[in-house]
Amino acid sequence: MKALVYGGPGIKSWTDVPDPVIQSPTDVIVRLDTTTICGTDLHILKGDVPAVTPGRILGHEGVGKITEVGSSVTNLKVGDRVIISCIKSCGSCVNCKMGLYSHCLGGEGASGIGWVFGHLIDGTQAEYVRVPYAENSLYKLPASVTDEEGVMLSDIFPTGFEIGVQYGGVKPGDVVAVIGAGPVGLAAIATAGLYGAAKIIAIDLDANRLEKSREFGATDTVLSGTASWKKEVMALTDGAGVDVAIEAVGVPTTFTMATEIVRPGGHVANVGVHGKEVPLHLESLWIQNIFISMGLVNTNTTPMLLKLIESKKLPAHKMVTHRFKFDQFIEAYDTFGRAAETKALKVAISR
């Protein structure tokens, strides 16, 4: 088969590799129909994730059909169309039983680490992939949900909802600010309304993404490149500050921005993956009674989010801006890596 293989920092290739095989009775093999690229993949290619070694097949999002099942798999069968979760779940360890799949203690990849695809084991940017703990790590896809909608449930929608909206404690009537209107930020915007947010403010440097955010439920937008950005946000809250500030970029500046616009007693929900040290000004924040949360997605809300997408309550279909075939993987990476120029959100790569 062919797959997108990491060759070290700055090196990738769409090349021939051995087909995956069943290694454990709980495994299945999935033939990928649609996959995509995540910002994390770009971090890996920069060498920011040393645990990813040369030769690793990248990717942790995908939709496809099962072609082979392990001997202990009873709830899935050959031909089932499934969503591959970005997080493994053995389903039996103490963390999985609490819904903390991101810290699954199953030994696949590494005990205590839920994100294994394209990280510690071969991933989904391939024609076929081996899925461990399949009965707990795959979700059957209804016929009415497209591949492109389904692949948005591998990672970005659960991430935006769980780590942004749920961890941020969004409640009815809240004013929510989402800093970063990329795919995960847009997912947070789209799902904040589920908990009754009265106002959702999208904040970004990119005017195109701000315009797009309104399609996902943003009620107001603020261009963060202007000197008056903070005043604009505060004006939208009658000077009080936002109830919940969701950081969805992953750089020190945006985290600091979130702490500057949250009201006393409010929440800062950090969703972005930070690759360098971030200052935390406790000397000024302690007196504000602010709650700060962060984390890796568990994907325990995927079944619920799937029902909402199936009933057209979430605009997952609007995420995809560019489409490619498998033999255009390198072009897809180039387009996604230049998102500011190409106006790419998510790229769909299909057979």
Protein backbone atom coordinates (compact mmCIF):
# COMPACT_ATOMS: atom_id res chain seq x y z
CA MET A 1 0.00 0.00 0.00
CA LYS A 2 0.98 3.66 -0.10
CA ALA A 3 1.22 5.98 2.88
CA LEU A 4 2.50 9.40 3.94
CA VAL A 5 5.74 8.59 5.77
CA TYR A 6 7.73 10.87 8.07
CA GLY A 7 11.43 10.84 7.19
CA GLY A 8 12.70 13.23 9.85
CA PRO A 9 12.31 17.00 10.30
CA GLY A 10 11.19 18.57 7.02
CA ILE A 11 11.02 15.23 5.20
CA LYS A 12 7.85 13.42 4.10
CA SER A 13 6.95 11.13 1.20
CA TRP A 14 3.94 9.35 -0.27
CA THR A 15 5.53 5.97 -0.75
CA ASP A 16 5.11 2.19 -0.72
CA VAL A 17 5.00 0.50 2.68
CA PRO A 18 3.92 -2.97 3.88
CA ASP A 19 0.22 -3.53 4.41
CA PRO A 20 -0.84 -3.50 8.09
CA VAL A 21 -1.73 -6.84 9.68
CA ILE A 22 -3.75 -7.94 12.71
CA GLN A 23 -1.42 -8.02 15.72
CA SER A 24 -3.91 -8.49 18.56
CA PRO A 25 -7.34 -10.15 18.80
CA THR A 26 -8.88 -6.69 19.46
CA ASP A 27 -7.50 -5.17 16.23
CA VAL A 28 -9.24 -4.45 12.96
CA ILE A 29 -7.90 -3.29 9.61
CA VAL A 30 -9.64 -0.30 8.02
CA ARG A 31 -9.42 0.69 4.36
CA LEU A 32 -9.28 4.48 4.43
CA ASP A 33 -11.76 6.33 2.23
CA THR A 34 -11.15 9.85 3.55
CA THR A 35 -8.51 11.36 5.81
CA THR A 36 -7.19 14.84 6.53
CA ILE A 37 -4.24 16.81 7.92
CA CYS A 38 -4.02 18.35 11.38
CA GLY A 39 -1.85 21.18 12.66
CA THR A 40 -0.16 18.58 14.86
CA ASP A 41 1.14 16.88 11.71
CA LEU A 42 2.83 20.14 10.76
CA HIS A 43 4.42 20.32 14.22
CA ILE A 44 5.73 16.77 13.74
CA LEU A 45 7.24 17.66 10.39
CA LYS A 46 9.06 20.57 12.03
CA GLY A 47 10.63 18.12 14.49
CA ASP A 48 8.60 19.45 17.45
CA VAL A 49 7.47 15.97 18.55
CA PRO A 50 10.62 13.89 19.12
CA ALA A 51 8.61 10.78 20.03
CA VAL A 52 7.69 10.51 16.34
CA THR A 53 10.58 8.68 14.69
CA PRO A 54 11.53 8.43 11.00
CA GLY A 55 9.50 5.80 9.19
CA ARG A 56 6.28 6.56 11.03
CA ILE A 57 3.08 6.85 8.97
CA LEU A 58 1.44 10.13 9.98
CA GLY A 59 -2.21 11.04 10.58
CA HIS A 60 -4.80 10.46 13.31
CA GLU A 61 -8.11 11.25 11.57
CA GLY A 62 -10.03 9.12 9.12
CA VAL A 63 -13.14 7.38 7.86
CA GLY A 64 -13.18 4.04 6.07
CA LYS A 65 -14.50 0.50 5.84
CA ILE A 66 -13.38 -2.49 7.88
CA THR A 67 -11.65 -5.16 5.80
CA GLU A 68 -10.51 -7.57 8.53
CA VAL A 69 -11.36 -8.13 12.22
CA GLY A 70 -9.44 -9.73 15.08
CA SER A 71 -10.69 -12.92 16.67
CA SER A 72 -12.18 -11.23 19.77
CA VAL A 73 -14.02 -8.45 17.89
CA THR A 74 -17.76 -9.15 18.01
CA ASN A 75 -19.49 -5.77 17.66
CA LEU A 76 -17.87 -4.84 14.35
CA LYS A 77 -17.75 -6.68 11.08
CA VAL A 78 -16.12 -6.54 7.66
CA GLY A 79 -17.80 -3.87 5.56
CA ASP A 80 -18.76 -1.59 8.46
CA ARG A 81 -18.17 2.09 7.71
CA VAL A 82 -16.45 3.70 10.67
CA ILE A 83 -14.92 6.84 12.15
CA ILE A 84 -11.42 6.32 13.51
CA SER A 85 -11.01 8.19 16.79
CA CYS A 86 -7.72 10.05 17.25
CA ILE A 87 -7.54 8.57 20.78
CA LYS A 88 -7.19 4.87 21.57
CA SER A 89 -9.39 3.38 24.30
CA CYS A 90 -8.93 -0.09 25.72
CA GLY A 91 -12.25 0.36 27.52
CA SER A 92 -11.20 -1.62 30.58
CA CYS A 93 -8.53 0.38 32.45
CA VAL A 94 -9.39 2.70 35.34
CA ASN A 95 -8.92 5.82 33.20
CA CYS A 96 -11.09 4.56 30.35
CA LYS A 97 -13.84 3.61 32.80
CA MET A 98 -13.83 7.25 33.95
CA GLY A 99 -14.06 8.47 30.35
CA LEU A 100 -10.45 9.67 30.48
CA TYR A 101 -9.51 7.96 27.21
CA SER A 102 -6.67 10.42 26.61
CA HIS A 103 -4.78 8.58 29.35
CA CYS A 104 -5.76 5.01 28.43
CA LEU A 105 -3.48 2.61 30.28
CA GLY A 106 -3.61 0.01 27.52
CA GLY A 107 -0.13 -0.93 26.36
CA GLU A 108 -0.66 -0.12 22.67
CA GLY A 109 1.87 2.59 21.79
CA ALA A 110 2.52 3.45 25.43
CA SER A 111 0.55 2.99 28.63
CA GLY A 112 -1.06 6.22 29.76
CA ILE A 113 -0.97 7.91 26.37
CA GLY A 114 -4.19 7.94 24.37
CA TRP A 115 -2.89 9.67 21.25
CA VAL A 116 -0.98 6.94 19.44
CA PHE A 117 -1.95 7.16 15.74
CA GLY A 118 0.74 8.95 13.73
CA HIS A 119 2.64 9.38 16.98
CA LEU A 120 3.62 6.06 18.57
CA ILE A 121 2.05 3.71 16.02
CA ASP A 122 1.35 4.07 12.30
CA GLY A 123 -1.44 6.47 11.46
CA THR A 124 -4.29 7.15 9.09
CA GLN A 125 -2.66 8.99 6.18
CA ALA A 126 -2.50 5.71 4.32
CA GLU A 127 -4.57 3.37 2.19
CA TYR A 128 -5.03 1.00 5.17
CA VAL A 129 -4.54 1.29 8.93
CA ARG A 130 -4.50 -1.12 11.86
CA VAL A 131 -6.81 0.06 14.66
CA PRO A 132 -6.13 -1.34 18.16
CA TYR A 133 -8.93 -1.74 20.74
CA ALA A 134 -11.27 -1.42 17.78
CA GLU A 135 -14.58 -1.86 19.59
CA ASN A 136 -13.79 1.15 21.80
CA SER A 137 -11.83 3.25 19.30
CA LEU A 138 -14.15 3.13 16.27
CA TYR A 139 -17.64 4.54 15.75
CA LYS A 140 -20.06 3.20 13.14
CA LEU A 141 -20.99 5.89 10.66
CA PRO A 142 -24.67 6.28 9.65
CA ALA A 143 -25.34 6.27 5.92
CA SER A 144 -26.73 9.82 6.13
CA VAL A 145 -23.40 11.21 7.38
CA THR A 146 -20.80 11.87 4.67
CA ASP A 147 -17.15 10.89 4.89
CA GLU A 148 -16.18 14.55 5.15
CA GLU A 149 -18.58 15.14 8.04
CA GLY A 150 -17.45 11.95 9.75
CA VAL A 151 -13.75 12.74 9.64
CA MET A 152 -14.41 15.98 11.54
CA LEU A 153 -15.37 13.76 14.49
CA SER A 154 -12.00 12.02 14.62
CA ASP A 155 -10.47 15.00 16.42
CA ILE A 156 -11.52 18.62 15.90
CA PHE A 157 -15.17 18.60 16.99
CA PRO A 158 -14.58 16.56 20.17
CA THR A 159 -11.50 18.67 20.94
CA GLY A 160 -13.25 22.02 20.55
CA PHE A 161 -16.28 20.84 22.50
CA GLU A 162 -14.63 18.90 25.34
CA ILE A 163 -11.53 20.99 26.03
CA GLY A 164 -13.03 24.34 25.07
CA VAL A 165 -16.73 24.30 25.91
CA GLN A 166 -17.01 21.61 28.60
CA TYR A 167 -13.73 22.32 30.39
CA GLY A 168 -14.51 26.03 30.09
CA GLY A 169 -17.77 25.51 31.96
CA VAL A 170 -19.93 27.31 29.39
CA LYS A 171 -23.47 27.77 30.68
CA PRO A 172 -26.71 29.41 29.50
CA GLY A 173 -26.38 33.16 28.98
CA ASP A 174 -22.58 33.22 28.95
CA VAL A 175 -20.46 35.49 26.78
CA VAL A 176 -17.77 33.32 25.22
CA ALA A 177 -14.67 34.48 23.34
CA VAL A 178 -12.78 32.06 21.11
CA ILE A 179 -9.26 33.18 20.27
CA GLY A 180 -8.23 31.50 17.03
CA ALA A 181 -10.79 30.77 14.31
CA GLY A 182 -9.00 27.77 12.85
CA PRO A 183 -10.73 24.36 12.64
CA VAL A 184 -10.67 23.62 16.39
CA GLY A 185 -11.68 27.19 17.25
CA LEU A 186 -14.57 26.95 14.81
CA ALA A 187 -15.61 23.65 16.40
CA ALA A 188 -15.65 25.38 19.79
CA ILE A 189 -17.73 28.20 18.33
CA ALA A 190 -20.18 25.73 16.78
CA THR A 191 -20.63 23.75 20.00
CA ALA A 192 -20.70 26.65 22.50
CA GLY A 193 -24.31 27.21 21.52
CA LEU A 194 -25.17 23.71 22.74
CA TYR A 195 -24.75 24.95 26.30
CA GLY A 196 -26.69 28.14 25.74
CA ALA A 197 -23.98 30.77 25.17
CA ALA A 198 -25.73 34.10 24.56
CA LYS A 199 -22.86 35.73 22.71
CA ILE A 200 -19.87 34.12 20.97
CA ILE A 201 -17.00 36.40 19.97
CA ALA A 202 -14.48 35.12 17.42
CA ILE A 203 -11.01 36.69 17.66
CA ASP A 204 -8.38 36.16 14.97
CA LEU A 205 -5.70 37.88 12.88
CA ASP A 206 -7.29 36.60 9.65
CA ALA A 207 -10.33 38.53 8.38
CA ASN A 208 -11.29 35.59 6.14
CA ARG A 209 -11.50 33.22 9.09
CA LEU A 210 -13.49 35.73 11.07
CA GLU A 211 -16.00 35.96 8.23
CA LYS A 212 -16.15 32.16 8.14
CA SER A 213 -16.72 32.00 11.90
CA ARG A 214 -20.17 33.55 11.50
CA GLU A 215 -21.23 30.48 9.53
CA PHE A 216 -20.38 28.40 12.62
CA GLY A 217 -22.29 30.54 15.11
CA ALA A 218 -20.10 33.51 16.02
CA THR A 219 -22.30 36.48 16.89
CA ASP A 220 -19.43 39.01 16.84
CA THR A 221 -15.89 39.18 15.45
CA VAL A 222 -12.77 41.07 16.48
CA LEU A 223 -9.62 41.44 14.39
CA SER A 224 -6.81 40.89 16.87
CA GLY A 225 -4.18 42.63 14.78
CA THR A 226 -5.63 46.04 15.60
CA ALA A 227 -4.48 48.12 18.56
CA SER A 228 -8.06 48.40 19.80
CA TRP A 229 -8.87 44.66 19.83
CA LYS A 230 -9.13 44.43 23.64
CA LYS A 231 -11.33 47.53 23.89
CA GLU A 232 -13.62 46.05 21.23
CA VAL A 233 -13.98 42.81 23.19
CA MET A 234 -14.62 44.62 26.46
CA ALA A 235 -17.21 46.85 24.78
CA LEU A 236 -19.11 43.71 23.75
CA THR A 237 -19.28 42.72 27.43
CA ASP A 238 -20.23 46.15 28.83
CA GLY A 239 -16.72 46.34 30.25
CA ALA A 240 -17.10 43.24 32.47
CA GLY A 241 -15.01 40.78 30.43
CA VAL A 242 -16.09 37.47 28.96
CA ASP A 243 -17.40 34.59 31.04
CA VAL A 244 -15.29 32.06 29.14
CA ALA A 245 -12.17 32.71 27.08
CA ILE A 246 -11.18 29.75 24.88
CA GLU A 247 -7.59 29.78 23.59
CA ALA A 248 -7.40 27.76 20.37
CA VAL A 249 -4.03 28.74 18.88
CA GLY A 250 -1.22 27.51 21.09
CA VAL A 251 1.19 30.45 21.36
CA PRO A 252 2.07 32.50 24.46
CA THR A 253 0.51 35.70 23.14
CA THR A 254 -2.94 34.22 22.66
CA PHE A 255 -2.96 32.58 26.09
CA THR A 256 -2.09 35.93 27.65
CA MET A 257 -4.87 37.55 25.60
CA ALA A 258 -7.35 35.08 27.08
CA THR A 259 -6.33 35.98 30.63
CA GLU A 260 -6.70 39.69 29.84
CA ILE A 261 -10.31 39.56 28.67
CA VAL A 262 -11.87 37.10 31.13
CA ARG A 263 -14.04 38.57 33.88
CA PRO A 264 -13.45 37.93 37.60
CA GLY A 265 -14.69 34.44 38.39
CA GLY A 266 -14.56 33.45 34.72
CA HIS A 267 -12.88 30.56 32.94
CA VAL A 268 -9.87 30.37 30.64
CA ALA A 269 -9.98 27.12 28.64
CA ASN A 270 -6.67 26.42 26.92
CA VAL A 271 -7.17 24.19 23.89
CA GLY A 272 -4.09 25.12 21.84
CA VAL A 273 -0.99 22.90 21.91
CA HIS A 274 1.89 25.01 23.18
CA GLY A 275 5.39 24.24 21.95
CA LYS A 276 7.22 26.68 24.19
CA GLU A 277 7.03 28.14 27.68
CA VAL A 278 4.00 30.31 28.42
CA PRO A 279 4.08 33.03 31.11
CA LEU A 280 1.38 32.80 33.77
CA HIS A 281 1.08 36.05 35.67
CA LEU A 282 -0.21 34.76 38.96
CA GLU A 283 0.85 37.99 40.64
CA SER A 284 -2.06 39.72 38.90
CA LEU A 285 -4.42 36.81 38.20
CA TRP A 286 -4.76 35.37 41.71
CA ILE A 287 -7.06 38.14 42.88
CA GLN A 288 -9.40 37.67 39.89
CA ASN A 289 -10.70 34.23 41.01
CA ILE A 290 -10.10 32.83 37.53
CA PHE A 291 -10.37 29.15 36.63
CA ILE A 292 -7.82 27.84 34.10
CA SER A 293 -8.22 24.47 32.37
CA MET A 294 -6.38 22.54 29.69
CA GLY A 295 -6.07 19.02 28.39
CA LEU A 296 -5.97 16.42 25.63
CA VAL A 297 -9.26 15.41 24.07
CA ASN A 298 -10.88 12.21 25.37
CA THR A 299 -13.37 11.77 22.49
CA ASN A 300 -15.94 10.47 24.97
CA THR A 301 -18.50 12.87 23.47
CA THR A 302 -18.12 11.53 19.93
CA PRO A 303 -21.38 9.49 19.95
CA MET A 304 -23.39 12.53 21.05
CA LEU A 305 -21.71 14.84 18.53
CA LEU A 306 -22.32 12.25 15.80
CA LYS A 307 -26.08 12.35 16.54
CA LEU A 308 -26.03 16.14 16.23
CA ILE A 309 -24.20 16.02 12.92
CA GLU A 310 -26.57 13.32 11.67
CA SER A 311 -29.52 15.59 12.51
CA LYS A 312 -27.76 18.56 10.82
CA LYS A 313 -27.49 20.48 14.10
CA LEU A 314 -23.73 21.06 13.64
CA PRO A 315 -22.23 22.47 10.40
CA ALA A 316 -19.43 19.91 10.03
CA HIS A 317 -19.78 19.97 6.24
CA LYS A 318 -18.56 23.58 6.16
CA MET A 319 -15.13 22.70 7.53
CA VAL A 320 -13.69 21.32 4.30
CA THR A 321 -12.35 24.00 1.99
CA HIS A 322 -10.03 21.96 -0.26
CA ARG A 323 -10.25 18.45 -1.68
CA PHE A 324 -7.53 16.11 -2.95
CA LYS A 325 -7.00 12.51 -4.00
CA PHE A 326 -4.57 10.18 -2.24
CA ASP A 327 -1.94 10.63 -4.93
CA GLN A 328 -2.04 14.40 -4.22
CA PHE A 329 -0.95 14.11 -0.58
CA ILE A 330 2.13 16.29 -1.01
CA GLU A 331 0.05 19.00 -2.69
CA ALA A 332 -2.51 18.75 0.12
CA TYR A 333 0.24 19.31 2.71
CA ASP A 334 1.51 22.32 0.79
CA THR A 335 -1.99 23.84 0.65
CA PHE A 336 -2.69 23.18 4.34
CA GLY A 337 0.73 24.45 5.39
CA ARG A 338 0.07 27.79 3.65
CA ALA A 339 -3.42 28.25 5.11
CA ALA A 340 -3.09 32.01 5.41
CA GLU A 341 -2.52 32.25 1.65
CA THR A 342 -4.77 29.41 0.47
CA LYS A 343 -7.60 30.13 2.98
CA ALA A 344 -7.59 26.45 3.89
CA LEU A 345 -9.47 25.19 6.95
CA LYS A 346 -9.57 21.42 6.62
CA VAL A 347 -8.43 19.52 3.53
CA ALA A 348 -10.25 16.30 2.64
CA ILE A 349 -8.04 13.63 1.06
CA SER A 350 -10.01 10.78 -0.48
CA ARG A 351 -9.62 7.79 -2.75
